[in-house]
Protein backbone atom coordinates (compact mmCIF):
# COMPACT_ATOMS: atom_id res chain seq x y z
CA UNK A 1 -0.01 -0.03 0.02
CA UNK A 2 1.40 3.38 -1.05
CA UNK A 3 1.25 6.34 1.35
CA UNK A 4 0.47 9.83 0.13
CA UNK A 5 1.28 12.78 2.48
CA UNK A 6 -1.30 15.48 1.70
CA UNK A 7 -0.55 19.09 0.76
CA UNK A 8 -3.77 21.16 0.47
CA UNK A 9 -3.16 24.60 -0.91
CA UNK A 10 -5.36 27.66 -0.48
CA UNK A 11 -4.32 31.13 -1.44
CA UNK A 12 -0.80 29.83 -1.94
CA UNK A 13 -0.60 28.54 1.65
CA UNK A 14 -0.47 25.05 3.06
CA UNK A 15 -3.70 24.48 5.04
CA UNK A 16 -5.86 21.76 6.49
CA UNK A 17 -9.66 21.93 6.72
CA UNK A 18 -11.85 20.26 9.32
CA UNK A 19 -14.36 17.99 7.56
CA UNK A 20 -14.12 20.01 4.38
CA UNK A 21 -15.33 23.20 6.05
CA UNK A 22 -13.56 26.23 4.52
CA UNK A 23 -14.45 28.19 7.66
CA UNK A 24 -12.41 25.80 9.88
CA UNK A 25 -9.03 26.22 8.31
CA UNK A 26 -5.59 25.68 9.95
CA UNK A 27 -2.75 27.44 8.14
CA UNK A 28 0.82 26.12 8.42
CA UNK A 29 3.82 28.37 8.20
CA UNK A 30 5.49 26.72 5.27
CA UNK A 31 5.32 27.01 1.53
CA UNK A 32 3.88 24.12 -0.48
CA UNK A 33 7.33 23.44 -1.94
CA UNK A 34 8.94 23.37 1.53
CA UNK A 35 6.28 20.93 2.78
CA UNK A 36 6.96 18.70 -0.22
CA UNK A 37 10.70 18.75 0.32
CA UNK A 38 10.24 17.95 4.00
CA UNK A 39 8.08 14.93 3.19
CA UNK A 40 10.63 13.78 0.57
CA UNK A 41 13.38 14.08 3.21
CA UNK A 42 11.38 11.85 5.45
CA UNK A 43 11.14 9.15 2.83
CA UNK A 44 7.93 9.94 0.86
CA UNK A 45 7.80 8.77 -2.68
CA UNK A 46 4.28 10.15 -3.40
CA UNK A 47 2.26 13.24 -2.61
CA UNK A 48 -1.45 14.05 -2.74
CA UNK A 49 -1.79 17.71 -3.68
CA UNK A 50 -5.04 19.64 -3.85
CA UNK A 51 -5.80 23.09 -5.04
CA UNK A 52 -8.62 23.99 -2.56
CA UNK A 53 -9.35 27.24 -4.39
CA UNK A 54 -9.78 25.26 -7.62
CA UNK A 55 -12.03 22.72 -5.88
CA UNK A 56 -14.29 25.54 -4.61
CA UNK A 57 -14.27 27.86 -7.60
CA UNK A 58 -13.26 25.69 -10.58
CA UNK A 59 -10.19 27.89 -11.39
CA UNK A 60 -6.54 26.73 -11.17
CA UNK A 61 -5.45 29.36 -8.58
CA UNK A 62 -2.50 27.33 -7.30
CA UNK A 63 -1.29 25.73 -10.54
CA UNK A 64 2.15 27.34 -10.43
CA UNK A 65 2.85 26.14 -6.87
CA UNK A 66 1.83 22.55 -7.85
CA UNK A 67 3.97 22.66 -11.00
CA UNK A 68 6.89 23.84 -8.91
CA UNK A 69 6.55 20.88 -6.59
CA UNK A 70 6.50 18.47 -9.56
CA UNK A 71 9.53 20.11 -11.15
CA UNK A 72 11.73 20.32 -8.08
CA UNK A 73 10.98 17.16 -6.09
CA UNK A 74 10.67 14.32 -8.57
CA UNK A 75 7.93 12.73 -6.41
CA UNK A 76 4.90 11.04 -7.85
CA UNK A 77 2.09 13.57 -7.56
CA UNK A 78 -1.61 12.89 -7.67
CA UNK A 79 -3.26 16.26 -8.17
CA UNK A 80 -6.83 17.41 -7.80
CA UNK A 81 -8.99 20.43 -7.19
CA UNK A 82 -10.97 22.13 -9.96
CA UNK A 83 -10.14 19.63 -12.69
CA UNK A 84 -13.36 19.90 -14.71
CA UNK A 85 -12.18 19.15 -18.30
CA UNK A 86 -9.58 17.41 -20.44
CA UNK A 87 -7.59 20.59 -20.94
CA UNK A 88 -6.91 20.99 -17.19
CA UNK A 89 -5.97 17.34 -16.95
CA UNK A 90 -3.47 17.71 -19.78
CA UNK A 91 -2.03 20.80 -18.23
CA UNK A 92 -1.23 19.03 -14.95
CA UNK A 93 0.22 16.00 -16.73
CA UNK A 94 2.43 18.29 -18.81
CA UNK A 95 3.53 20.01 -15.61
CA UNK A 96 4.74 16.71 -14.21
CA UNK A 97 1.80 15.19 -12.28
CA UNK A 98 1.64 11.41 -12.33
CA UNK A 99 -2.10 11.18 -11.79
CA UNK A 100 -4.87 13.75 -12.09
CA UNK A 101 -8.06 13.61 -10.06
CA UNK A 102 -11.40 14.36 -11.59
CA UNK A 103 -14.04 15.35 -8.99
CA UNK A 104 -17.17 17.35 -9.58
CA UNK A 105 -17.02 16.79 -13.32
CA UNK A 106 -17.12 13.04 -12.77
CA UNK A 107 -20.59 13.41 -11.27
CA UNK A 108 -21.93 15.94 -13.70
CA UNK A 109 -20.48 14.58 -16.98
CA UNK A 110 -20.31 10.75 -17.09
CA UNK A 111 -19.46 10.86 -20.76
CA UNK A 112 -16.38 12.85 -19.97
CA UNK A 113 -15.37 10.25 -17.43
CA UNK A 114 -15.65 7.47 -19.95
CA UNK A 115 -13.71 9.34 -22.58
CA UNK A 116 -10.85 10.32 -20.26
CA UNK A 117 -10.66 6.87 -18.69
CA UNK A 118 -10.25 5.37 -22.12
CA UNK A 119 -7.62 7.91 -23.15
CA UNK A 120 -5.52 8.37 -20.01
CA UNK A 121 -5.93 5.02 -18.16
CA UNK A 122 -3.89 4.98 -14.93
CA UNK A 123 -3.11 8.71 -15.19
CA UNK A 124 -6.72 9.44 -14.34
CA UNK A 125 -8.30 9.01 -10.94
CA UNK A 126 -11.77 10.02 -9.76
CA UNK A 127 -12.16 11.64 -6.36
CA UNK A 128 -15.26 10.35 -4.60
CA UNK A 129 -15.97 12.57 -1.60
CA UNK A 130 -18.76 11.22 0.60
CA UNK A 131 -20.72 12.33 3.62
CA UNK A 132 -23.15 9.85 5.24
CA UNK A 133 -22.80 7.58 2.23
CA UNK A 134 -23.71 10.26 -0.36
CA UNK A 135 -21.40 11.89 -2.88
CA UNK A 136 -20.54 15.54 -2.36
CA UNK A 137 -19.28 17.94 -5.05
CA UNK A 138 -18.11 21.55 -5.52
CA UNK A 139 -15.47 21.48 -2.82
CA UNK A 140 -17.69 19.27 -0.63
CA UNK A 141 -20.26 22.03 -0.34
CA UNK A 142 -23.05 20.32 -2.31
CA UNK A 143 -24.44 16.94 -1.28
CA UNK A 144 -25.97 14.82 -4.07
CA UNK A 145 -28.39 11.93 -3.89
CA UNK A 146 -25.78 9.52 -5.29
CA UNK A 147 -24.93 6.48 -3.13
CA UNK A 148 -21.10 6.65 -2.87
CA UNK A 149 -20.41 2.87 -3.16
CA UNK A 150 -22.80 2.47 -6.09
CA UNK A 151 -21.12 5.44 -7.76
CA UNK A 152 -17.73 3.78 -7.40
CA UNK A 153 -19.19 0.64 -8.98
CA UNK A 154 -20.36 2.73 -11.87
CA UNK A 155 -17.00 4.38 -12.26
CA UNK A 156 -15.33 0.94 -12.51
CA UNK A 157 -17.82 -0.11 -15.16
CA UNK A 158 -16.95 3.11 -17.07
CA UNK A 159 -13.30 2.21 -17.12
CA UNK A 160 -11.94 4.20 -14.20
CA UNK A 161 -9.03 2.36 -12.60
CA UNK A 162 -8.41 4.40 -9.48
CA UNK A 163 -10.79 5.99 -6.97
CA UNK A 164 -9.71 8.28 -4.15
CA UNK A 165 -12.42 7.93 -1.60
CA UNK A 166 -12.63 10.62 1.08
CA UNK A 167 -14.77 10.11 4.15
CA UNK A 168 -15.58 13.78 4.76
CA UNK A 169 -16.88 13.27 8.27
CA UNK A 170 -13.49 11.94 9.35
CA UNK A 171 -11.24 14.22 7.23
CA UNK A 172 -9.04 16.36 9.40
CA UNK A 173 -10.73 15.08 12.56
CA UNK A 174 -8.05 12.62 13.62
CA UNK A 175 -10.68 10.04 14.53
CA UNK A 176 -9.47 7.01 12.65
CA UNK A 177 -10.81 5.19 9.59
CA UNK A 178 -13.77 2.90 8.99
CA UNK A 179 -12.29 -0.27 7.67
CA UNK A 180 -15.68 -1.84 6.82
CA UNK A 181 -16.34 0.83 4.20
CA UNK A 182 -13.02 0.29 2.48
CA UNK A 183 -13.49 -3.50 2.63
CA UNK A 184 -16.73 -2.99 0.57
CA UNK A 185 -14.95 -0.74 -1.93
CA UNK A 186 -12.04 -3.19 -2.27
CA UNK A 187 -14.52 -5.84 -3.56
CA UNK A 188 -15.25 -3.77 -6.72
CA UNK A 189 -13.51 -5.58 -9.56
CA UNK A 190 -10.80 -3.75 -11.39
CA UNK A 191 -10.84 -0.70 -9.12
CA UNK A 192 -7.81 0.46 -7.10
CA UNK A 193 -8.90 2.32 -3.97
CA UNK A 194 -6.91 5.05 -2.16
CA UNK A 195 -8.33 5.82 1.30
CA UNK A 196 -8.61 9.40 2.56
CA UNK A 197 -10.02 10.91 5.74
CA UNK A 198 -9.23 10.15 9.33
CA UNK A 199 -5.96 8.30 9.00
CA UNK A 200 -4.26 9.21 12.23
CA UNK A 201 -2.44 6.21 13.72
CA UNK A 202 -0.20 3.30 12.83
CA UNK A 203 -3.16 0.99 13.58
CA UNK A 204 -5.20 2.78 10.88
CA UNK A 205 -2.42 2.14 8.39
CA UNK A 206 -2.13 -1.51 9.37
CA UNK A 207 -5.87 -1.99 8.99
CA UNK A 208 -5.98 -0.40 5.58
CA UNK A 209 -2.85 -2.29 4.43
CA UNK A 210 -4.44 -5.53 5.56
CA UNK A 211 -7.30 -4.85 3.14
CA UNK A 212 -4.71 -4.53 0.34
CA UNK A 213 -5.81 -1.10 -0.64
CA UNK A 214 -3.82 0.67 -3.32
CA UNK A 215 -2.99 3.62 -1.05
CA UNK A 216 -3.82 5.87 1.86
CA UNK A 217 -3.59 9.62 2.28
CA UNK A 218 -2.31 11.19 5.52
CA UNK A 219 -2.87 14.81 6.33
CA UNK A 220 -3.43 16.58 9.66
CA UNK A 221 -1.86 13.71 11.68
CA UNK A 222 1.50 14.41 10.03
CA UNK A 223 1.25 18.23 10.41
CA UNK A 224 0.22 18.05 14.03
CA UNK A 225 2.88 15.50 14.96
CA UNK A 226 0.48 12.73 15.95
CA UNK A 227 1.94 10.44 13.32
CA UNK A 228 5.55 10.16 12.08
CA UNK A 229 5.90 9.68 8.33
CA UNK A 230 8.91 7.37 8.60
CA UNK A 231 7.02 5.20 11.09
CA UNK A 232 3.96 5.24 8.87
CA UNK A 233 6.03 4.11 5.88
CA UNK A 234 7.66 1.41 7.90
CA UNK A 235 4.23 0.10 9.07
CA UNK A 236 2.91 0.01 5.52
CA UNK A 237 5.99 -1.86 4.37
CA UNK A 238 5.80 -4.33 7.19
CA UNK A 239 2.17 -5.00 6.47
CA UNK A 240 3.03 -5.64 2.77
CA UNK A 241 5.80 -8.01 3.70
CA UNK A 242 3.50 -9.87 6.10
CA UNK A 243 0.98 -10.25 3.30
CA UNK A 244 3.58 -11.60 0.93
CA UNK A 245 4.73 -14.17 3.48
CA UNK A 246 1.17 -15.26 4.11
CA UNK A 247 0.61 -15.68 0.35
CA UNK A 248 3.66 -17.98 0.12
CA UNK A 249 2.23 -20.25 2.80
């Protein structure tokens, strides 16, 4: 299971939101590039980077900051926030992103999802942000009637290979993950699942790794010092090794 330290950018600053609420923001005194370099120094190979202004307003307000991270760190970046069309996706890939996340547009334009999934394959992911089992869009501010698990099943049927599933109620709350939810998602054929929201302990990482998820995103727990990135990486690696040994038996 790959780990993705999160860098959320708003107004050019590194921030964390509580449960997606833009009114409950914590700002950290570091640039996005400095945060990325610190994570790299601690052993990260991947980053999850979100333009929160883009997610809210649909405009790439922090594109340059994200491109700078890609150019200067060499890390694998999955990037989201305001990606509403093929042009924006291509821009991020050209800037060095390894995977680009489609969010609101995936709900509102299923034909676009199918077209991009066929064209970009593993370079495309869909972000499924859910509250109480329903999909939220527009920077988590609008709640739809879509059942989140059924929506993931439809995405897989449409050719999407990776879903980044965020449990909004747990995001930024340091309250742990819900393994049962991810166990259900992991049963969807052909779909790689990256867990997001609430990852705050080594036990959370072990539980998710035991489910053989594709990845997990860690945010506030790293910034607040509750979780050490080197320890988290070691726990994920140990869980993977344990799984390989069990498979040999």
